[in-house]
């Protein structure tokens, strides 16, 4: 149980970064992105559905991709997927930092945040469902449902931290903010890289 709690705790870092798209992301979009399209300005509120859309659309292709990897013995473990999800979130937010730097005193092109939001949506698929799947398979039967439900406490922890970090957005440049935000997600990937094999080895006795 403690090993599963530690595994779930790793995802706090990418969740802090990921949910920033609903917080400071809207502020950045309003002030630093050229929202113009041939059909008129794209409402900032629409961005709240982009990551969800790509999470939804990405389910079937990812299942097929993971099955294709499995047939070749290359499918990442659940912890590996969690690490890849963290890395994907980091890349998404580093894209925003790059877009802001390239814009200089102007505004970033609309395509880059759309791409970043899409990557973040796919990254979420890589780290959140595999975490729940791992817990449901490995947790002791008597506390299995409780442990799966308890995984959501990582979101409870990450959201106030996300809000606190978002509150310092105006104390730095947007590029610096997104660079640090991506770095927070990257910490999750680094923890998997450093400790993932040890966790997998310790949990292997209970894996089916």
Protein backbone atom coordinates (compact mmCIF):
# COMPACT_ATOMS: atom_id res chain seq x y z
CA UNK A 1 0.00 0.00 0.00
CA UNK A 2 2.82 2.40 0.84
CA UNK A 3 4.51 1.66 -2.49
CA UNK A 4 1.27 2.46 -4.33
CA UNK A 5 0.90 5.69 -2.34
CA UNK A 6 4.43 6.67 -3.34
CA UNK A 7 3.66 5.86 -6.97
CA UNK A 8 0.50 7.96 -6.86
CA UNK A 9 2.41 10.82 -5.23
CA UNK A 10 4.71 11.01 -8.26
CA UNK A 11 1.76 12.14 -10.39
CA UNK A 12 1.21 15.22 -8.21
CA UNK A 13 3.96 17.02 -10.13
CA UNK A 14 2.45 16.57 -13.58
CA UNK A 15 -1.02 17.35 -12.21
CA UNK A 16 0.21 20.68 -10.82
CA UNK A 17 1.49 21.54 -14.29
CA UNK A 18 -1.40 20.04 -16.25
CA UNK A 19 -4.24 21.81 -14.45
CA UNK A 20 -2.51 25.16 -14.95
CA UNK A 21 -4.16 25.22 -18.39
CA UNK A 22 -7.47 25.92 -16.65
CA UNK A 23 -6.00 28.60 -14.41
CA UNK A 24 -3.12 30.78 -15.59
CA UNK A 25 -3.49 29.37 -19.07
CA UNK A 26 -6.63 31.43 -19.63
CA UNK A 27 -4.87 34.60 -18.45
CA UNK A 28 -1.93 33.97 -20.77
CA UNK A 29 -4.18 33.22 -23.73
CA UNK A 30 -6.12 36.46 -23.23
CA UNK A 31 -3.05 38.67 -23.14
CA UNK A 32 -0.28 36.92 -25.05
CA UNK A 33 -1.90 34.97 -27.91
CA UNK A 34 -3.29 36.17 -31.23
CA UNK A 35 -6.72 34.57 -31.12
CA UNK A 36 -7.76 35.81 -34.57
CA UNK A 37 -9.05 33.29 -37.12
CA UNK A 38 -10.72 33.75 -40.54
CA UNK A 39 -14.04 33.22 -38.73
CA UNK A 40 -13.34 35.70 -35.96
CA UNK A 41 -11.54 35.61 -32.63
CA UNK A 42 -11.46 32.23 -30.92
CA UNK A 43 -13.00 32.49 -27.43
CA UNK A 44 -10.55 31.68 -24.65
CA UNK A 45 -13.22 29.51 -23.00
CA UNK A 46 -13.04 27.10 -25.94
CA UNK A 47 -9.54 26.08 -24.90
CA UNK A 48 -10.99 24.34 -21.86
CA UNK A 49 -12.37 21.68 -24.20
CA UNK A 50 -9.28 21.13 -26.37
CA UNK A 51 -7.35 18.90 -23.98
CA UNK A 52 -10.53 16.98 -23.11
CA UNK A 53 -11.29 16.50 -26.80
CA UNK A 54 -7.83 15.07 -27.48
CA UNK A 55 -8.05 12.90 -24.37
CA UNK A 56 -11.30 11.49 -25.72
CA UNK A 57 -10.08 11.09 -29.29
CA UNK A 58 -6.79 9.64 -28.14
CA UNK A 59 -8.21 6.68 -26.20
CA UNK A 60 -8.76 4.28 -29.11
CA UNK A 61 -5.50 5.11 -30.96
CA UNK A 62 -3.51 4.76 -27.74
CA UNK A 63 -5.07 1.39 -26.93
CA UNK A 64 -4.19 0.19 -30.42
CA UNK A 65 -0.69 1.67 -30.14
CA UNK A 66 -0.05 0.04 -26.77
CA UNK A 67 -1.35 -3.28 -28.14
CA UNK A 68 1.01 -2.93 -31.11
CA UNK A 69 3.89 -2.24 -28.73
CA UNK A 70 2.88 -5.20 -26.55
CA UNK A 71 3.01 -7.60 -29.50
CA UNK A 72 6.61 -6.52 -30.03
CA UNK A 73 7.49 -6.60 -26.37
CA UNK A 74 7.92 -2.84 -26.24
CA UNK A 75 4.88 -1.64 -24.35
CA UNK A 76 5.93 0.59 -21.42
CA UNK A 77 4.97 -0.54 -17.94
CA UNK A 78 2.34 1.45 -16.07
CA UNK A 79 5.11 3.36 -14.32
CA UNK A 80 6.77 3.93 -17.67
CA UNK A 81 3.54 5.38 -19.04
CA UNK A 82 3.26 7.64 -15.99
CA UNK A 83 6.76 8.91 -16.69
CA UNK A 84 5.97 9.47 -20.37
CA UNK A 85 2.84 11.36 -19.39
CA UNK A 86 4.89 13.64 -17.16
CA UNK A 87 7.39 14.21 -19.97
CA UNK A 88 4.57 14.98 -22.40
CA UNK A 89 3.12 17.57 -20.03
CA UNK A 90 6.55 19.15 -19.67
CA UNK A 91 6.93 19.39 -23.45
CA UNK A 92 3.49 20.99 -23.78
CA UNK A 93 4.33 23.81 -21.39
CA UNK A 94 7.83 24.32 -22.71
CA UNK A 95 6.16 24.89 -26.07
CA UNK A 96 4.21 27.75 -24.50
CA UNK A 97 7.44 29.22 -23.10
CA UNK A 98 9.05 28.98 -26.54
CA UNK A 99 6.02 30.57 -28.21
CA UNK A 100 6.09 33.47 -25.75
CA UNK A 101 9.81 34.02 -26.27
CA UNK A 102 9.45 33.96 -30.05
CA UNK A 103 6.57 36.44 -29.88
CA UNK A 104 8.76 39.00 -28.11
CA UNK A 105 6.66 42.09 -27.58
CA UNK A 106 3.94 40.77 -29.84
CA UNK A 107 1.53 37.88 -29.52
CA UNK A 108 2.11 34.17 -30.00
CA UNK A 109 0.41 32.39 -32.94
CA UNK A 110 -2.78 30.53 -32.11
CA UNK A 111 -1.56 27.19 -33.47
CA UNK A 112 1.10 26.69 -30.78
CA UNK A 113 -1.20 26.80 -27.71
CA UNK A 114 -3.70 24.59 -29.55
CA UNK A 115 -0.90 22.07 -30.11
CA UNK A 116 0.26 22.39 -26.49
CA UNK A 117 -3.27 21.83 -25.14
CA UNK A 118 -3.61 18.77 -27.40
CA UNK A 119 -0.30 17.33 -26.18
CA UNK A 120 -1.36 17.94 -22.58
CA UNK A 121 -4.59 16.02 -23.22
CA UNK A 122 -2.71 13.00 -24.56
CA UNK A 123 -0.17 13.27 -21.73
CA UNK A 124 -3.04 13.00 -19.25
CA UNK A 125 -4.05 9.71 -20.87
CA UNK A 126 -0.54 8.42 -20.36
CA UNK A 127 -0.32 9.08 -16.64
CA UNK A 128 -3.79 9.05 -15.08
CA UNK A 129 -5.56 5.89 -16.43
CA UNK A 130 -2.37 3.77 -16.01
CA UNK A 131 -2.10 4.94 -12.39
CA UNK A 132 -5.68 3.84 -11.67
CA UNK A 133 -5.11 0.56 -13.54
CA UNK A 134 -1.95 -0.18 -11.58
CA UNK A 135 -3.63 0.47 -8.24
CA UNK A 136 -6.69 -1.61 -9.13
CA UNK A 137 -4.48 -4.59 -10.09
CA UNK A 138 -2.00 -4.46 -7.24
CA UNK A 139 -3.85 -3.10 -4.19
CA UNK A 140 -4.96 -5.71 -1.63
CA UNK A 141 -8.52 -6.90 -2.24
CA UNK A 142 -9.84 -5.60 1.09
CA UNK A 143 -8.80 -2.03 0.32
CA UNK A 144 -8.78 -2.10 -3.47
CA UNK A 145 -11.71 0.25 -4.03
CA UNK A 146 -10.50 2.53 -1.25
CA UNK A 147 -7.04 2.74 -2.79
CA UNK A 148 -8.42 3.53 -6.25
CA UNK A 149 -10.63 6.25 -4.77
CA UNK A 150 -7.71 7.50 -2.71
CA UNK A 151 -5.72 8.14 -5.88
CA UNK A 152 -7.94 11.16 -6.42
CA UNK A 153 -6.40 12.70 -3.32
CA UNK A 154 -3.39 13.46 -5.51
CA UNK A 155 -5.64 15.87 -7.42
CA UNK A 156 -6.80 17.33 -4.11
CA UNK A 157 -3.17 18.03 -3.25
CA UNK A 158 -2.09 19.25 -6.68
CA UNK A 159 -4.89 21.75 -7.27
CA UNK A 160 -4.15 24.08 -4.30
CA UNK A 161 -0.45 23.91 -5.20
CA UNK A 162 -1.34 24.73 -8.80
CA UNK A 163 -3.36 27.72 -7.60
CA UNK A 164 -0.54 28.95 -5.38
CA UNK A 165 1.99 28.70 -8.19
CA UNK A 166 -0.41 30.44 -10.57
CA UNK A 167 -0.65 33.34 -8.13
CA UNK A 168 2.99 34.28 -8.81
CA UNK A 169 2.47 34.46 -12.58
CA UNK A 170 2.62 38.26 -12.55
CA UNK A 171 5.93 38.32 -10.68
CA UNK A 172 7.87 36.91 -13.66
CA UNK A 173 7.78 36.81 -17.42
CA UNK A 174 5.26 34.43 -19.00
CA UNK A 175 8.11 32.51 -20.65
CA UNK A 176 9.78 31.98 -17.26
CA UNK A 177 6.48 30.89 -15.74
CA UNK A 178 5.83 28.25 -18.40
CA UNK A 179 9.42 27.07 -18.26
CA UNK A 180 9.13 26.47 -14.52
CA UNK A 181 5.69 24.90 -14.95
CA UNK A 182 7.12 22.47 -17.48
CA UNK A 183 9.96 21.78 -15.08
CA UNK A 184 7.47 20.81 -12.38
CA UNK A 185 5.98 18.21 -14.72
CA UNK A 186 9.47 17.06 -15.68
CA UNK A 187 10.16 16.31 -12.00
CA UNK A 188 7.54 13.57 -12.24
CA UNK A 189 9.33 12.07 -15.23
CA UNK A 190 12.69 12.28 -13.44
CA UNK A 191 11.30 10.50 -10.37
CA UNK A 192 10.06 7.64 -12.56
CA UNK A 193 13.43 7.52 -14.29
CA UNK A 194 15.27 7.41 -10.95
CA UNK A 195 12.99 5.15 -8.92
CA UNK A 196 10.63 3.49 -11.42
CA UNK A 197 12.54 0.21 -11.71
CA UNK A 198 12.82 -0.13 -7.94
CA UNK A 199 9.11 0.48 -7.50
CA UNK A 200 8.26 -2.00 -10.25
CA UNK A 201 10.54 -4.60 -8.71
CA UNK A 202 8.97 -4.10 -5.28
CA UNK A 203 5.47 -4.33 -6.71
CA UNK A 204 6.18 -7.24 -9.06
CA UNK A 205 5.28 -9.85 -6.46
CA UNK A 206 1.67 -8.64 -6.59
CA UNK A 207 1.41 -8.00 -10.31
CA UNK A 208 -0.65 -10.62 -12.15
